[in-house]
Each structure stands twice: as structure tokens, then as C-alpha cells.
C-alpha atoms as a PDB file:
ATOM      1  CA  MET A   1       0.535  -5.436  -5.228  1.00  0.00           C
ATOM      2  CA  THR A   2       0.583  -1.833  -4.047  1.00  0.00           C
ATOM      3  CA  PHE A   3      -0.465  -0.027  -0.623  1.00  0.00           C
ATOM      4  CA  PHE A   4      -2.993   2.294   0.584  1.00  0.00           C
ATOM      5  CA  ASP A   5      -2.732   3.915   3.831  1.00  0.00           C
ATOM      6  CA  ASP A   6      -5.373   5.481   6.236  1.00  0.00           C
ATOM      7  CA  LEU A   7      -4.136   9.140   5.780  1.00  0.00           C
ATOM      8  CA  ARG A   8      -4.259   8.848   2.271  1.00  0.00           C
ATOM      9  CA  LEU A   9      -7.729   7.538   2.342  1.00  0.00           C
ATOM     10  CA  ASP A  10      -8.569  10.068   4.852  1.00  0.00           C
ATOM     11  CA  ASP A  11      -7.153  12.635   2.138  1.00  0.00           C
ATOM     12  CA  LEU A  12      -9.099  11.155  -0.623  1.00  0.00           C
ATOM     13  CA  SER A  13     -12.484  11.073   0.816  1.00  0.00           C
ATOM     14  CA  LYS A  14     -12.204  14.832   1.895  1.00  0.00           C
ATOM     15  CA  ARG A  15     -10.964  16.050  -1.453  1.00  0.00           C
ATOM     16  CA  LEU A  16     -14.116  13.949  -2.917  1.00  0.00           C
ATOM     17  CA  ALA A  17     -16.516  15.741  -0.115  1.00  0.00           C
ATOM     18  CA  ASP A  18     -14.739  19.172  -1.144  1.00  0.00           C
ATOM     19  CA  SER A  19     -15.489  18.682  -4.817  1.00  0.00           C
ATOM     20  CA  VAL A  20     -19.359  18.822  -4.016  1.00  0.00           C
ATOM     21  CA  PRO A  21     -21.466  21.808  -4.749  1.00  0.00           C
ATOM     22  CA  GLU A  22     -21.434  24.179  -1.454  1.00  0.00           C
ATOM     23  CA  SER A  23     -25.138  23.852  -1.586  1.00  0.00           C
ATOM     24  CA  VAL A  24     -25.023  19.839  -0.850  1.00  0.00           C
ATOM     25  CA  ARG A  25     -21.925  20.092   1.280  1.00  0.00           C
ATOM     26  CA  ALA A  26     -23.922  21.076   4.244  1.00  0.00           C
ATOM     27  CA  LEU A  27     -24.304  17.242   4.783  1.00  0.00           C
ATOM     28  CA  GLY A  28     -20.659  17.822   5.112  1.00  0.00           C
ATOM     29  CA  ARG A  29     -18.996  15.178   7.618  1.00  0.00           C
ATOM     30  CA  GLU A  30     -21.576  12.408   6.878  1.00  0.00           C
ATOM     31  CA  MET A  31     -20.864  12.858   3.164  1.00  0.00           C
ATOM     32  CA  GLU A  32     -17.013  12.623   4.323  1.00  0.00           C
ATOM     33  CA  GLY A  33     -18.009   9.429   5.844  1.00  0.00           C
ATOM     34  CA  ASN A  34     -19.471   8.246   3.559  1.00  0.00           C
ATOM     35  CA  PHE A  35     -17.117   8.595   0.471  1.00  0.00           C
ATOM     36  CA  LYS A  36     -14.633   6.903   3.106  1.00  0.00           C
ATOM     37  CA  ALA A  37     -16.428   3.790   3.392  1.00  0.00           C
ATOM     38  CA  VAL A  38     -17.589   3.538  -0.236  1.00  0.00           C
ATOM     39  CA  LEU A  39     -13.590   3.994  -0.945  1.00  0.00           C
ATOM     40  CA  GLN A  40     -12.941   1.527   1.895  1.00  0.00           C
ATOM     41  CA  SER A  41     -15.141  -1.094   0.301  1.00  0.00           C
ATOM     42  CA  GLN A  42     -13.823  -0.731  -3.109  1.00  0.00           C
ATOM     43  CA  LEU A  43     -10.303  -0.888  -1.949  1.00  0.00           C
ATOM     44  CA  SER A  44     -10.523  -3.870   0.075  1.00  0.00           C
ATOM     45  CA  LYS A  45     -12.210  -5.716  -3.636  1.00  0.00           C
ATOM     46  CA  LEU A  46      -8.476  -4.807  -4.842  1.00  0.00           C
ATOM     47  CA  ASP A  47      -5.093  -6.569  -4.166  1.00  0.00           C
ATOM     48  CA  LEU A  48      -3.468  -3.649  -2.220  1.00  0.00           C
ATOM     49  CA  VAL A  49      -1.829  -3.487   1.204  1.00  0.00           C
ATOM     50  CA  ASN A  50      -1.279  -0.992   3.944  1.00  0.00           C
ATOM     51  CA  ARG A  51       2.101   0.581   4.347  1.00  0.00           C
ATOM     52  CA  GLN A  52       3.059  -1.415   7.338  1.00  0.00           C
ATOM     53  CA  GLU A  53       2.479  -4.548   5.350  1.00  0.00           C
ATOM     54  CA  PHE A  54       4.361  -3.459   2.425  1.00  0.00           C
ATOM     55  CA  ASP A  55       7.527  -2.147   4.657  1.00  0.00           C
ATOM     56  CA  VAL A  56       7.522  -5.843   6.405  1.00  0.00           C
ATOM     57  CA  GLN A  57       7.365  -7.636   2.606  1.00  0.00           C
ATOM     58  CA  ALA A  58      10.379  -5.292   1.347  1.00  0.00           C
ATOM     59  CA  ALA A  59      12.811  -5.852   4.240  1.00  0.00           C
ATOM     60  CA  LEU A  60      12.097  -9.513   3.703  1.00  0.00           C
ATOM     61  CA  LEU A  61      12.733  -9.293   0.045  1.00  0.00           C
ATOM     62  CA  GLU A  62      15.856  -7.491   0.553  1.00  0.00           C
ATOM     63  CA  ARG A  63      16.982 -10.240   3.184  1.00  0.00           C
ATOM     64  CA  THR A  64      16.393 -12.767   0.699  1.00  0.00           C
ATOM     65  CA  GLN A  65      18.033 -11.623  -2.345  1.00  0.00           C
ATOM     66  CA  SER A  66      21.351 -10.367   0.034  1.00  0.00           C
ATOM     67  CA  ARG A  67      21.192 -14.209   1.044  1.00  0.00           C
ATOM     68  CA  LEU A  68      20.839 -15.330  -2.527  1.00  0.00           C
ATOM     69  CA  ALA A  69      23.797 -13.280  -3.926  1.00  0.00           C
ATOM     70  CA  ALA A  70      25.805 -14.958  -1.064  1.00  0.00           C
ATOM     71  CA  LEU A  71      25.022 -18.523  -2.036  1.00  0.00           C
ATOM     72  CA  GLU A  72      25.556 -17.412  -5.522  1.00  0.00           C
ATOM     73  CA  ALA A  73      28.888 -16.231  -4.655  1.00  0.00           C
ATOM     74  CA  ARG A  74      29.384 -19.640  -2.925  1.00  0.00           C
ATOM     75  CA  LEU A  75      28.425 -21.980  -5.430  1.00  0.00           C
ATOM     76  CA  LYS A  76      30.692 -20.043  -8.144  1.00  0.00           C
ATOM     77  CA  GLU A  77      33.672 -20.614  -5.687  1.00  0.00           C
ATOM     78  CA  LEU A  78      32.618 -24.450  -5.744  1.00  0.00           C
ATOM     79  CA  GLU A  79      32.395 -24.748  -9.163  1.00  0.00           C
ATOM     80  CA  ILE A  80      35.799 -23.122  -9.745  1.00  0.00           C
ATOM     81  CA  LYS A  81      37.420 -25.276  -7.209  1.00  0.00           C
ATOM     82  CA  PRO A  82      38.950 -28.574  -9.069  1.00  0.00           C
END
């Protein structure tokens, strides 16, 4: 699972609009908005999360790994005791 935030989406849609020939670029903002809408539609079909969701899940994973390490250490202590 990856993430794709709005800033990257805005940047990508602007770069796509800028890559269009100058004669067609007169449509400017409308074309950029259309690119953004198409990108959002296609990206919504993928298994992506936004940055905030990614950060929350990363923090949860870190806490879980820490708790697991503590439990494993405790289990080793209990296994060693006669």
C-alpha cells in the first residue's frame, strides 16, 4: 500500500497540462482540472492511502513492533526460569 497526497496530485496534473503544446494550452486551467479529475478517478481504483493515513498506520506499526519485542523478551525470561 502506498500513499499519494493532494500536493503531488496537483503537481502531476500541472506538469501534464504544461506538457501539452502551446496552441492547445489556451484551455489552461480547464485542462489542468480535467487532468486532476482523471488522475483522481484512476488513483481511487488503486490501493492507495493519503499521507495522514500512512503516518497513522506507521505509528501503529511501530508501537505494535515495540510491544511484540517486549513480549518476546518477557517470554524468553519465563522460559529460562526453572
